[in-house]
Amino acid sequence: MAPLIDSSQATLSNEEILRYSRHLIMPEVTLEGQKKLKGARVLCVGTGGLGSPLALYLAAAGVGTLGLVDFDVVDYTNLQRQVLHHTSDVGRLKLDSAIDKLIAINPFVEIKRFDTYLSSQNALEIISGFDIIADGTDNFATRYLVNDACVLSGKPNVYASIFRFEGQASIFATEAGPCYRCLYPEPPPPGLVPSCAEGGVLGVLPGLLGVIQATEVIKLILGAGEPLIGRLLLVDALAMRFRELRVRKNPECPVCGANPTVKELIDYNQFCGIRGEESEASPSAKIPEIQPEELKRRLDAQEDIFVLDVREPHEYQIVNIKGHLIPLGDLPTRVHELDSSREIVVHCKSGARSAKAVDFLRKSGFKRAANLTGGILAWADRIDRSLPKY
């Protein structure tokens, strides 16, 4: 495959030659290949689970310019997998934390930071300054956004995603290969696929998939080997099994097909069924809610309120407020356990699953059901700080 990078302007100092010496003696890399790495510009979308190993290894390998897009801050739940960030970084901007580590690894790398979330308004402008885009995001709206922006810009999209013990990786949006929409023409219905915050992820899994992403980026820069174009790599870490699926370019794809209908970036929240300003904690403004403080006051007054917990049993073991446990998936078959004449307050971890439960209950005749705003996380923050958070 032809290389993407013009290395004619790149030079290596004696210190860089020593630093990258184990690359230089490889016939697949050599001095010329290392110059390609130095001349390359790679954008990492996200500095979390996937972005951490991706950026670390690209910096160590000598990729000359790394762009980092992120707007989040480090919290304790990140530390189990986001190895760019340390305990002392909790509360800091992820970009500040990431840049410190990357410069410490390799001071010869130039970092371009973008303190923002990628959107239809800024994606094309941000992407225009880079040769390769590596998507380390964790939501469907941004994945479709990155894909479409890469197709429209003619930039390869090195993709990976993770969930629990499983991951997948590929390269999309090259001239000859498929794009993300060829594989997934439509996003799943909102809420069908749990986020890592809801379903969890094995801490080492993003390391595994992020390193695969970094490997594919480096191969694209060098023009070496067989990249994951037209191939979807499936990783099952629990079985330690790797499988591969062929993915063909769809000639009728609305973005990369012969007659594209998507010629500019769209509203990807709307495309993915995310309405307005909804968040994970409040998916619908029509769902009746009760604040943690109000629930605490009424429980202390011994009012007749039934607390329903719709999380999973393993979550209940971590922390609970002694609610009646019926997991959301079991609610339709166990709804007979509930008394429709009583006031029911439903909670989950952060408010998303419980909002769906309240919607179901009210449609089933439970007119006094309400959602606990912010879930048990808000209860731990605002009512009982002795409770653990997860």
Protein backbone atom coordinates (compact mmCIF):
# COMPACT_ATOMS: atom_id res chain seq x y z
CA MET A 1 0.00 0.00 0.00
CA ALA A 2 1.23 3.52 -0.78
CA PRO A 3 2.39 5.60 2.19
CA LEU A 4 0.30 8.57 3.31
CA ILE A 5 3.16 10.70 4.63
CA ASP A 6 5.76 12.80 2.81
CA SER A 7 8.94 12.49 4.86
CA SER A 8 11.10 14.73 2.70
CA GLN A 9 11.08 17.60 5.20
CA ALA A 10 11.66 15.52 8.36
CA THR A 11 15.10 15.18 9.92
CA LEU A 12 16.25 13.29 12.99
CA SER A 13 18.76 14.58 15.53
CA ASN A 14 21.43 12.33 16.99
CA GLU A 15 19.34 12.02 20.18
CA GLU A 16 16.29 10.98 18.16
CA ILE A 17 18.34 8.43 16.23
CA LEU A 18 19.43 6.89 19.53
CA ARG A 19 15.89 7.05 20.93
CA TYR A 20 14.36 5.27 17.93
CA SER A 21 17.29 2.96 17.23
CA ARG A 22 15.22 -0.21 17.67
CA HIS A 23 12.97 1.06 14.90
CA LEU A 24 15.79 2.12 12.64
CA ILE A 25 17.36 -1.34 12.49
CA MET A 26 14.09 -2.91 11.33
CA PRO A 27 14.02 -3.32 7.54
CA GLU A 28 10.29 -2.48 7.58
CA VAL A 29 11.01 0.89 9.20
CA THR A 30 14.60 2.15 8.72
CA LEU A 31 15.60 5.79 8.91
CA GLU A 32 13.19 6.68 6.13
CA GLY A 33 10.26 5.14 7.96
CA GLN A 34 11.11 6.96 11.17
CA LYS A 35 11.13 10.20 9.22
CA LYS A 36 7.62 9.34 8.01
CA LEU A 37 6.56 8.86 11.62
CA LYS A 38 8.04 12.22 12.55
CA GLY A 39 6.30 13.90 9.64
CA ALA A 40 2.92 12.36 10.45
CA ARG A 41 0.01 14.20 12.05
CA VAL A 42 -2.46 12.00 13.91
CA LEU A 43 -5.65 13.15 15.65
CA CYS A 44 -6.77 11.14 18.69
CA VAL A 45 -10.46 11.74 19.40
CA GLY A 46 -10.68 11.12 23.14
CA THR A 47 -8.01 10.59 25.79
CA GLY A 48 -9.88 8.00 27.84
CA GLY A 49 -9.76 4.22 27.77
CA LEU A 50 -8.78 3.77 24.12
CA GLY A 51 -7.07 7.14 23.77
CA SER A 52 -4.69 6.46 26.65
CA PRO A 53 -2.70 3.53 25.18
CA LEU A 54 -3.18 4.90 21.67
CA ALA A 55 -1.59 8.26 22.46
CA LEU A 56 1.09 6.76 24.73
CA TYR A 57 2.38 4.39 22.07
CA LEU A 58 2.13 6.88 19.21
CA ALA A 59 4.14 9.38 21.23
CA ALA A 60 6.73 6.77 22.18
CA ALA A 61 6.98 5.65 18.55
CA GLY A 62 7.87 9.17 17.45
CA VAL A 63 4.76 10.36 15.64
CA GLY A 64 5.67 13.99 15.14
CA THR A 65 2.33 15.72 15.75
CA LEU A 66 -0.45 14.40 17.96
CA GLY A 67 -3.80 16.14 18.16
CA LEU A 68 -5.93 15.48 21.24
CA VAL A 69 -9.66 16.20 21.41
CA ASP A 70 -11.29 16.01 24.84
CA PHE A 71 -13.39 18.16 27.17
CA ASP A 72 -13.73 15.85 30.18
CA VAL A 73 -12.05 15.82 33.58
CA VAL A 74 -10.40 12.88 35.32
CA ASP A 75 -12.43 11.08 37.96
CA TYR A 76 -11.77 8.02 40.09
CA THR A 77 -13.82 5.69 37.89
CA ASN A 78 -11.41 6.40 35.01
CA LEU A 79 -8.33 5.10 36.79
CA GLN A 80 -9.13 1.40 36.40
CA ARG A 81 -8.44 1.62 32.64
CA GLN A 82 -7.35 5.10 31.50
CA VAL A 83 -3.64 4.68 32.07
CA LEU A 84 -2.71 8.18 30.90
CA HIS A 85 -4.21 9.51 34.12
CA HIS A 86 -3.01 8.96 37.68
CA THR A 87 -4.66 9.29 41.08
CA SER A 88 -3.12 12.73 41.52
CA ASP A 89 -4.85 13.86 38.30
CA VAL A 90 -8.40 13.39 39.62
CA GLY A 91 -10.26 16.64 39.03
CA ARG A 92 -7.85 17.88 36.34
CA LEU A 93 -8.74 18.30 32.69
CA LYS A 94 -7.88 15.12 30.87
CA LEU A 95 -5.97 17.12 28.28
CA ASP A 96 -3.72 18.65 30.94
CA SER A 97 -3.07 15.24 32.44
CA ALA A 98 -2.50 13.58 29.06
CA ILE A 99 -0.12 16.21 27.74
CA ASP A 100 2.03 16.01 30.87
CA LYS A 101 2.47 12.25 30.40
CA LEU A 102 3.07 12.38 26.66
CA ILE A 103 5.70 15.09 26.86
CA ALA A 104 7.39 13.18 29.69
CA ILE A 105 7.56 10.12 27.41
CA ASN A 106 8.78 12.00 24.34
CA PRO A 107 9.61 15.71 24.35
CA PHE A 108 10.11 15.62 20.57
CA VAL A 109 6.38 15.19 19.95
CA GLU A 110 4.31 18.29 19.21
CA ILE A 111 0.92 18.25 20.90
CA LYS A 112 -2.07 20.14 19.52
CA ARG A 113 -4.91 20.32 22.02
CA PHE A 114 -8.60 20.85 21.34
CA ASP A 115 -10.52 21.54 24.56
CA THR A 116 -13.91 20.77 23.11
CA TYR A 117 -16.25 17.99 22.16
CA LEU A 118 -16.23 17.12 18.47
CA SER A 119 -19.35 18.42 16.76
CA SER A 120 -20.81 18.97 13.31
CA GLN A 121 -19.73 22.60 13.63
CA ASN A 122 -16.01 21.99 14.30
CA ALA A 123 -15.16 18.47 13.09
CA LEU A 124 -14.13 19.28 9.53
CA GLU A 125 -11.97 22.18 10.62
CA ILE A 126 -10.21 20.16 13.33
CA ILE A 127 -9.70 17.09 11.15
CA SER A 128 -8.31 19.13 8.25
CA GLY A 129 -4.98 19.57 10.04
CA PHE A 130 -4.22 15.85 10.33
CA ASP A 131 -3.34 12.90 8.12
CA ILE A 132 -4.99 10.10 10.11
CA ILE A 133 -7.90 10.15 12.57
CA ALA A 134 -8.08 7.62 15.42
CA ASP A 135 -11.54 7.31 16.97
CA GLY A 136 -11.42 6.48 20.68
CA THR A 137 -14.95 7.64 21.52
CA ASP A 138 -17.62 5.69 23.38
CA ASN A 139 -20.92 6.81 21.85
CA PHE A 140 -22.64 6.22 18.54
CA ALA A 141 -23.34 9.84 17.67
CA THR A 142 -19.64 10.74 17.72
CA ARG A 143 -18.66 7.56 15.86
CA TYR A 144 -20.98 8.46 12.98
CA LEU A 145 -19.73 12.05 13.11
CA VAL A 146 -16.07 10.97 12.93
CA ASN A 147 -16.87 8.54 10.12
CA ASP A 148 -18.70 11.08 7.97
CA ALA A 149 -16.11 13.79 8.58
CA CYS A 150 -13.35 11.38 7.57
CA VAL A 151 -15.14 10.35 4.38
CA LEU A 152 -15.85 13.97 3.44
CA SER A 153 -12.25 14.95 4.22
CA GLY A 154 -10.59 11.93 2.61
CA LYS A 155 -8.90 10.92 5.89
CA PRO A 156 -8.59 7.31 7.12
CA ASN A 157 -10.50 6.54 10.31
CA VAL A 158 -8.72 4.05 12.59
CA TYR A 159 -11.59 2.74 14.69
CA ALA A 160 -12.01 0.67 17.85
CA SER A 161 -14.75 0.10 20.40
CA ILE A 162 -14.98 -1.84 23.66
CA PHE A 163 -17.59 -3.28 26.03
CA ARG A 164 -17.10 -5.57 29.01
CA PHE A 165 -14.76 -8.31 27.68
CA GLU A 166 -15.23 -7.63 23.97
CA GLY A 167 -13.83 -5.20 21.44
CA GLN A 168 -13.54 -4.58 17.72
CA ALA A 169 -11.23 -2.66 15.45
CA SER A 170 -11.01 -1.70 11.79
CA ILE A 171 -9.94 1.05 9.41
CA PHE A 172 -12.72 2.97 7.69
CA ALA A 173 -13.06 5.76 5.14
CA THR A 174 -10.15 4.90 2.85
CA GLU A 175 -10.67 5.28 -0.88
CA ALA A 176 -10.89 1.55 -1.58
CA GLY A 177 -12.41 0.34 1.68
CA PRO A 178 -15.76 0.62 3.46
CA CYS A 179 -16.79 3.22 5.98
CA TYR A 180 -18.45 2.78 9.38
CA ARG A 181 -21.89 3.22 7.80
CA CYS A 182 -21.19 0.33 5.42
CA LEU A 183 -20.92 -1.87 8.52
CA TYR A 184 -23.61 -0.16 10.61
CA PRO A 185 -26.03 1.68 8.27
CA GLU A 186 -28.29 2.67 11.19
CA PRO A 187 -27.51 3.28 14.87
CA PRO A 188 -29.15 1.01 17.43
CA PRO A 189 -32.24 2.35 19.21
CA PRO A 190 -31.30 4.67 22.12
CA GLY A 191 -30.60 2.71 25.27
CA LEU A 192 -30.42 -0.70 23.57
CA VAL A 193 -26.63 -0.92 23.89
CA PRO A 194 -25.48 -0.07 27.44
CA SER A 195 -22.59 2.33 27.88
CA CYS A 196 -19.43 1.28 29.70
CA ALA A 197 -20.73 3.28 32.66
CA GLU A 198 -23.80 1.04 32.75
CA GLY A 199 -22.37 -2.29 31.62
CA GLY A 200 -18.75 -2.05 32.68
CA VAL A 201 -15.51 -2.81 30.87
CA LEU A 202 -12.52 -4.96 31.79
CA GLY A 203 -9.73 -2.55 32.67
CA VAL A 204 -7.12 -4.09 30.35
CA LEU A 205 -9.44 -4.34 27.33
CA PRO A 206 -9.01 -0.73 26.12
CA GLY A 207 -5.26 -1.28 26.46
CA LEU A 208 -5.49 -4.21 24.08
CA LEU A 209 -7.71 -2.44 21.54
CA GLY A 210 -5.89 0.89 21.87
CA VAL A 211 -2.58 -0.81 21.09
CA ILE A 212 -4.20 -2.41 18.02
CA GLN A 213 -5.30 1.06 16.94
CA ALA A 214 -1.78 2.44 17.44
CA THR A 215 -0.36 -0.46 15.44
CA GLU A 216 -2.71 0.23 12.54
CA VAL A 217 -1.92 3.95 12.61
CA ILE A 218 1.81 3.23 12.43
CA LYS A 219 1.32 0.74 9.57
CA LEU A 220 -0.64 3.37 7.63
CA ILE A 221 2.12 5.92 8.17
CA LEU A 222 4.85 3.50 7.08
CA GLY A 223 2.83 2.02 4.23
CA ALA A 224 3.78 -1.38 5.64
CA GLY A 225 1.98 -4.66 6.13
CA GLU A 226 -1.70 -5.42 5.64
CA PRO A 227 -3.91 -2.84 7.36
CA LEU A 228 -7.39 -3.59 8.70
CA ILE A 229 -9.08 -2.09 5.65
CA GLY A 230 -12.14 -4.14 4.74
CA ARG A 231 -11.63 -6.30 7.81
CA LEU A 232 -13.32 -6.10 11.20
CA LEU A 233 -11.23 -7.62 13.98
CA LEU A 234 -13.34 -9.04 16.81
CA VAL A 235 -11.68 -9.58 20.19
CA ASP A 236 -13.11 -11.79 22.93
CA ALA A 237 -10.78 -11.28 25.89
CA LEU A 238 -12.68 -13.71 28.11
CA ALA A 239 -11.96 -16.57 25.70
CA MET A 240 -8.79 -14.85 24.38
CA ARG A 241 -10.06 -15.43 20.87
CA PHE A 242 -9.60 -13.22 17.82
CA ARG A 243 -11.92 -13.47 14.83
CA GLU A 244 -12.10 -11.54 11.59
CA LEU A 245 -15.02 -10.54 9.41
CA ARG A 246 -14.76 -9.19 5.90
CA VAL A 247 -16.54 -5.86 5.43
CA ARG A 248 -17.28 -4.74 1.88
CA LYS A 249 -17.81 -1.24 0.64
CA ASN A 250 -21.53 -0.66 0.13
CA PRO A 251 -22.05 0.90 -3.32
CA GLU A 252 -25.32 2.38 -2.01
CA CYS A 253 -23.81 3.81 1.18
CA PRO A 254 -25.27 7.31 1.71
CA VAL A 255 -21.82 8.68 2.60
CA CYS A 256 -19.13 6.77 0.68
CA GLY A 257 -21.24 5.08 -2.03
CA ALA A 258 -21.39 5.82 -5.73
CA ASN A 259 -24.17 8.37 -5.30
CA PRO A 260 -23.85 9.80 -1.78
CA THR A 261 -26.77 11.65 -0.27
CA VAL A 262 -24.92 12.82 2.86
CA LYS A 263 -22.67 15.57 1.54
CA GLU A 264 -22.28 17.57 4.72
CA LEU A 265 -22.27 16.85 8.43
CA ILE A 266 -25.70 16.40 9.99
CA ASP A 267 -27.24 16.47 13.46
CA TYR A 268 -25.85 13.20 14.82
CA ASN A 269 -27.75 13.33 18.10
CA GLN A 270 -30.96 13.44 16.11
CA PHE A 271 -29.70 10.70 13.77
CA CYS A 272 -29.05 8.47 16.79
CA GLY A 273 -32.40 9.28 18.38
CA ILE A 274 -31.04 11.50 21.16
CA ARG A 275 -33.62 14.19 21.76
CA GLY A 276 -32.75 17.78 22.53
CA GLU A 277 -30.53 18.31 25.54
CA GLU A 278 -31.14 14.88 27.02
CA SER A 279 -28.41 13.31 29.09
CA GLU A 280 -27.82 9.88 30.50
CA ALA A 281 -29.25 11.06 33.80
CA SER A 282 -32.43 12.58 32.33
CA PRO A 283 -33.48 10.91 29.08
CA SER A 284 -36.94 12.38 28.96
CA ALA A 285 -38.32 15.65 30.28
CA LYS A 286 -41.81 14.09 30.46
CA ILE A 287 -40.85 11.62 33.18
CA PRO A 288 -41.93 12.80 36.68
CA GLU A 289 -38.92 13.20 38.95
CA ILE A 290 -38.17 13.63 42.62
CA GLN A 291 -34.98 15.15 44.00
CA PRO A 292 -32.88 13.16 46.51
CA GLU A 293 -33.45 15.77 49.23
CA GLU A 294 -37.22 15.57 48.84
CA LEU A 295 -37.18 11.76 48.95
CA LYS A 296 -35.00 11.82 52.08
CA ARG A 297 -37.36 14.28 53.81
CA ARG A 298 -40.42 12.20 53.01
CA LEU A 299 -38.81 8.90 54.01
CA ASP A 300 -37.72 10.45 57.33
CA ALA A 301 -41.34 11.55 57.83
CA GLN A 302 -42.30 7.89 57.32
CA GLU A 303 -44.53 8.63 54.37
CA ASP A 304 -45.75 5.60 52.46
CA ILE A 305 -43.24 5.58 49.60
CA PHE A 306 -42.11 2.38 47.86
CA VAL A 307 -38.47 2.60 46.64
CA LEU A 308 -37.82 0.46 43.57
CA ASP A 309 -34.23 -0.29 42.48
CA VAL A 310 -33.96 -1.34 38.80
CA ARG A 311 -30.22 -2.01 38.69
CA GLU A 312 -28.61 -5.44 38.41
CA PRO A 313 -28.01 -7.66 41.48
CA HIS A 314 -24.22 -7.20 41.34
CA GLU A 315 -24.74 -3.43 41.43
CA TYR A 316 -27.07 -3.78 44.41
CA GLN A 317 -24.29 -5.65 46.24
CA ILE A 318 -21.94 -2.70 45.75
CA VAL A 319 -24.28 -0.13 47.28
CA ASN A 320 -28.00 0.21 47.92
CA ILE A 321 -30.55 2.24 49.85
CA LYS A 322 -32.62 -0.82 50.77
CA GLY A 323 -35.00 -0.49 47.83
CA HIS A 324 -36.92 -3.41 46.37
CA LEU A 325 -34.73 -4.87 43.61
CA ILE A 326 -36.25 -5.69 40.22
CA PRO A 327 -33.73 -5.31 37.35
CA LEU A 328 -35.08 -3.25 34.47
CA GLY A 329 -35.05 -6.23 32.10
CA ASP A 330 -37.19 -8.25 34.52
CA LEU A 331 -39.73 -5.51 35.22
CA PRO A 332 -42.34 -6.53 32.59
CA THR A 333 -42.59 -10.05 34.03
CA ARG A 334 -42.43 -9.00 37.69
CA VAL A 335 -44.62 -5.92 37.61
CA HIS A 336 -47.25 -7.88 39.57
CA GLU A 337 -44.99 -7.51 42.64
CA LEU A 338 -45.83 -3.79 42.73
CA ASP A 339 -48.90 -2.04 44.12
CA SER A 340 -50.25 0.56 41.71
CA SER A 341 -52.05 2.39 44.54
CA ARG A 342 -48.77 3.28 46.27
CA GLU A 343 -46.37 6.05 45.41
CA ILE A 344 -43.29 4.47 43.81
CA VAL A 345 -39.90 6.14 43.48
CA VAL A 346 -37.63 4.32 41.04
CA HIS A 347 -33.86 4.62 40.94
CA CYS A 348 -30.86 3.14 39.17
CA LYS A 349 -27.23 4.26 39.07
CA SER A 350 -27.62 7.67 37.43
CA GLY A 351 -31.25 7.98 36.37
CA ALA A 352 -31.37 6.64 32.79
CA ARG A 353 -32.63 3.10 33.36
CA SER A 354 -35.02 4.22 36.08
CA ALA A 355 -36.52 6.79 33.70
CA LYS A 356 -37.32 3.97 31.27
CA ALA A 357 -38.80 1.99 34.15
CA VAL A 358 -41.02 4.91 35.19
CA ASP A 359 -42.16 5.37 31.60
CA PHE A 360 -43.09 1.68 31.44
CA LEU A 361 -44.84 1.74 34.81
CA ARG A 362 -46.92 4.83 34.04
CA LYS A 363 -48.01 3.33 30.73
CA SER A 364 -48.96 0.21 32.70
CA GLY A 365 -51.26 2.09 35.05
CA PHE A 366 -48.83 3.10 37.83
CA LYS A 367 -49.71 6.79 37.78
CA ARG A 368 -47.81 7.59 41.00
CA ALA A 369 -44.38 6.42 39.79
CA ALA A 370 -41.51 8.94 39.71
CA ASN A 371 -37.81 8.85 38.89
CA LEU A 372 -35.10 9.66 41.45
CA THR A 373 -33.07 12.42 39.82
CA GLY A 374 -29.44 11.40 39.41
CA GLY A 375 -29.97 7.91 40.83
CA ILE A 376 -27.96 6.43 43.65
CA LEU A 377 -24.91 8.47 42.59
CA ALA A 378 -26.81 11.67 43.42
CA TRP A 379 -27.99 10.11 46.69
CA ALA A 380 -24.37 9.35 47.64
CA ASP A 381 -23.28 12.87 46.68
CA ARG A 382 -26.08 14.81 48.31
CA ILE A 383 -27.62 12.67 51.06
CA ASP A 384 -25.22 10.02 52.39
CA ARG A 385 -21.57 10.62 51.60
CA SER A 386 -20.58 7.45 53.45
CA LEU A 387 -21.94 5.35 50.57
CA PRO A 388 -19.46 4.10 47.96
CA LYS A 389 -19.82 5.26 44.35
CA TYR A 390 -19.05 3.20 41.28
